[in-house]
C-alpha atoms as a PDB file:
ATOM      1  CA  MET A   1     -53.511 180.628 220.749  1.00  0.00           C
ATOM      2  CA  SER A   2     -54.844 184.133 220.194  1.00  0.00           C
ATOM      3  CA  ALA A   3     -58.097 185.590 221.523  1.00  0.00           C
ATOM      4  CA  SER A   4     -59.994 184.923 218.294  1.00  0.00           C
ATOM      5  CA  GLU A   5     -58.990 181.223 218.236  1.00  0.00           C
ATOM      6  CA  ARG A   6     -60.932 178.383 219.811  1.00  0.00           C
ATOM      7  CA  THR A   7     -60.460 174.647 220.067  1.00  0.00           C
ATOM      8  CA  ALA A   8     -63.030 172.310 218.549  1.00  0.00           C
ATOM      9  CA  ARG A   9     -63.650 168.614 217.962  1.00  0.00           C
ATOM     10  CA  VAL A  10     -64.359 167.487 214.370  1.00  0.00           C
ATOM     11  CA  LEU A  11     -67.741 165.755 214.033  1.00  0.00           C
ATOM     12  CA  PRO A  12     -68.953 163.374 211.319  1.00  0.00           C
ATOM     13  CA  GLY A  13     -70.453 165.110 208.294  1.00  0.00           C
ATOM     14  CA  GLY A  14     -69.479 167.976 206.067  1.00  0.00           C
ATOM     15  CA  SER A  15     -68.306 167.872 202.494  1.00  0.00           C
ATOM     16  CA  ASP A  16     -65.290 168.892 200.425  1.00  0.00           C
ATOM     17  CA  LYS A  17     -63.334 171.691 202.214  1.00  0.00           C
ATOM     18  CA  THR A  18     -66.013 171.846 204.932  1.00  0.00           C
ATOM     19  CA  ARG A  19     -65.999 170.255 208.380  1.00  0.00           C
ATOM     20  CA  ARG A  20     -68.663 170.096 211.108  1.00  0.00           C
ATOM     21  CA  VAL A  21     -67.150 170.863 214.506  1.00  0.00           C
ATOM     22  CA  ALA A  22     -68.322 171.120 218.112  1.00  0.00           C
ATOM     23  CA  VAL A  23     -67.011 173.889 220.363  1.00  0.00           C
ATOM     24  CA  GLU A  24     -67.524 173.214 224.074  1.00  0.00           C
ATOM     25  CA  ARG A  25     -67.577 175.885 226.770  1.00  0.00           C
ATOM     26  CA  LEU A  26     -68.362 176.006 230.469  1.00  0.00           C
ATOM     27  CA  VAL A  27     -71.147 178.363 231.574  1.00  0.00           C
ATOM     28  CA  LYS A  28     -71.991 179.111 235.184  1.00  0.00           C
ATOM     29  CA  HIS A  29     -75.625 178.342 236.012  1.00  0.00           C
ATOM     30  CA  PRO A  30     -77.335 181.599 237.070  1.00  0.00           C
ATOM     31  CA  MET A  31     -79.210 180.119 240.031  1.00  0.00           C
ATOM     32  CA  TYR A  32     -77.187 177.154 241.273  1.00  0.00           C
ATOM     33  CA  GLY A  33     -73.677 178.351 240.439  1.00  0.00           C
ATOM     34  CA  LYS A  34     -72.650 174.987 239.009  1.00  0.00           C
ATOM     35  CA  TYR A  35     -70.697 175.028 235.748  1.00  0.00           C
ATOM     36  CA  VAL A  36     -72.628 173.465 232.867  1.00  0.00           C
ATOM     37  CA  ARG A  37     -71.041 172.266 229.628  1.00  0.00           C
ATOM     38  CA  ARG A  38     -72.571 173.876 226.515  1.00  0.00           C
ATOM     39  CA  THR A  39     -71.848 172.749 222.958  1.00  0.00           C
ATOM     40  CA  THR A  40     -72.075 174.837 219.789  1.00  0.00           C
ATOM     41  CA  ARG A  41     -71.976 173.084 216.425  1.00  0.00           C
ATOM     42  CA  MET A  42     -70.735 175.020 213.416  1.00  0.00           C
ATOM     43  CA  LEU A  43     -69.240 174.606 209.959  1.00  0.00           C
ATOM     44  CA  ILE A  44     -65.623 175.565 209.289  1.00  0.00           C
ATOM     45  CA  HIS A  45     -63.530 175.955 206.147  1.00  0.00           C
ATOM     46  CA  ASP A  46     -60.729 173.387 205.727  1.00  0.00           C
ATOM     47  CA  GLU A  47     -58.932 174.380 202.516  1.00  0.00           C
ATOM     48  CA  ASP A  48     -56.626 171.341 202.258  1.00  0.00           C
ATOM     49  CA  ASN A  49     -58.955 168.713 203.823  1.00  0.00           C
ATOM     50  CA  THR A  50     -56.322 168.024 206.506  1.00  0.00           C
ATOM     51  CA  SER A  51     -58.678 167.316 209.422  1.00  0.00           C
ATOM     52  CA  ARG A  52     -60.547 164.070 210.024  1.00  0.00           C
ATOM     53  CA  GLU A  53     -63.388 163.005 212.298  1.00  0.00           C
ATOM     54  CA  GLY A  54     -62.398 163.036 215.973  1.00  0.00           C
ATOM     55  CA  ASP A  55     -59.425 165.423 215.594  1.00  0.00           C
ATOM     56  CA  LEU A  56     -58.925 168.281 218.040  1.00  0.00           C
ATOM     57  CA  ILE A  57     -58.316 171.445 216.012  1.00  0.00           C
ATOM     58  CA  ALA A  58     -57.773 175.181 216.440  1.00  0.00           C
ATOM     59  CA  ILE A  59     -60.195 177.423 214.532  1.00  0.00           C
ATOM     60  CA  ALA A  60     -60.256 181.173 213.975  1.00  0.00           C
ATOM     61  CA  GLU A  61     -63.025 183.530 212.927  1.00  0.00           C
ATOM     62  CA  GLY A  62     -62.662 185.299 209.602  1.00  0.00           C
ATOM     63  CA  ARG A  63     -64.655 186.742 206.763  1.00  0.00           C
ATOM     64  CA  PRO A  64     -67.665 184.691 205.640  1.00  0.00           C
ATOM     65  CA  VAL A  65     -66.820 181.974 203.119  1.00  0.00           C
ATOM     66  CA  SER A  66     -70.461 180.997 202.584  1.00  0.00           C
ATOM     67  CA  ARG A  67     -73.826 181.505 204.258  1.00  0.00           C
ATOM     68  CA  ARG A  68     -73.002 179.307 207.265  1.00  0.00           C
ATOM     69  CA  LYS A  69     -69.158 179.255 207.216  1.00  0.00           C
ATOM     70  CA  SER A  70     -67.218 182.107 208.796  1.00  0.00           C
ATOM     71  CA  TRP A  71     -64.613 180.088 210.725  1.00  0.00           C
ATOM     72  CA  ARG A  72     -61.481 178.487 209.276  1.00  0.00           C
ATOM     73  CA  LEU A  73     -59.069 175.769 210.319  1.00  0.00           C
ATOM     74  CA  VAL A  74     -55.795 177.111 211.772  1.00  0.00           C
ATOM     75  CA  ARG A  75     -54.026 173.850 212.684  1.00  0.00           C
ATOM     76  CA  VAL A  76     -54.632 170.311 213.886  1.00  0.00           C
ATOM     77  CA  LEU A  77     -53.721 170.066 217.576  1.00  0.00           C
ATOM     78  CA  ARG A  78     -54.217 166.322 218.113  1.00  0.00           C
ATOM     79  CA  ARG A  79     -55.227 163.548 215.748  1.00  0.00           C
ATOM     80  CA  ALA A  80     -58.023 161.137 216.610  1.00  0.00           C
ATOM     81  CA  ASP A  81     -55.485 158.280 216.712  1.00  0.00           C
ATOM     82  CA  GLY A  82     -53.456 160.129 219.389  1.00  0.00           C
ATOM     83  CA  SER A  83     -50.604 161.520 217.320  1.00  0.00           C
ATOM     84  CA  THR A  84     -49.732 165.227 217.265  1.00  0.00           C
ATOM     85  CA  ASP A  85     -48.786 167.363 214.274  1.00  0.00           C
END
């Protein structure tokens, strides 16, 4: 995975060639020092409609496809049913 790639979980929703995903990251709390999980939801471009709800995917930033889509699907890392591609 390159520096511009991130892993995300596919959420329900979206339409043709569009998927809603959640990107999770750990952020250190400024006062207590404990790591807190933060989630960012975004829309990504899935040209071939290969991903399904619950899949773990790799996404990469690119040029804007629409007003809210500037990330694209790179590959499916793990299917929701447990299989790998």
